[in-house]
Amino acid sequence: LNCVIFSSGVAYTLKEGAHVRVDVLYSKLSSKSKALVDLLGTLAFLGLTAGFILWTSWDYVSVSWRIREGSAESSGLPYVYVLKTSILIIPIMLLMQGLSEFLKAYKMYHKN
């Protein structure tokens, strides 16, 4: 359950710009170059990674829903399939926030 709580903050962290970034080169770039780096980074890294996670976990989560998976432990969680749904929700949230970041960078790139 803690995993769901912490993982759901990933998109928010991206929104707030609190993710790890190597500023050694980025801080010296012009705003247009920063926007280009953000555009390419969003597409190449965030988009592909979140898309890959979504694609590879789809069957895993759908099987869990199909069998209404519960914990094997007698005192375990009865609705494990609901928790596993977060594996799909997290990359979807990242893709949505990534789209927002992409559009901001696109606007910044064409503004300058």
Foldseek 3Di string as FASTA:
>chain_A
DVCLVVLLCPLVCVVVVVDDDDCPPLVPDDLLVNLVCLLCCLVPPLVVVLVVQLVVCVVVLVVCVVVQDWDPDPPGGSRVSVVSCSSNVSSVSSNVSSVVSNVVSVCSNVVD
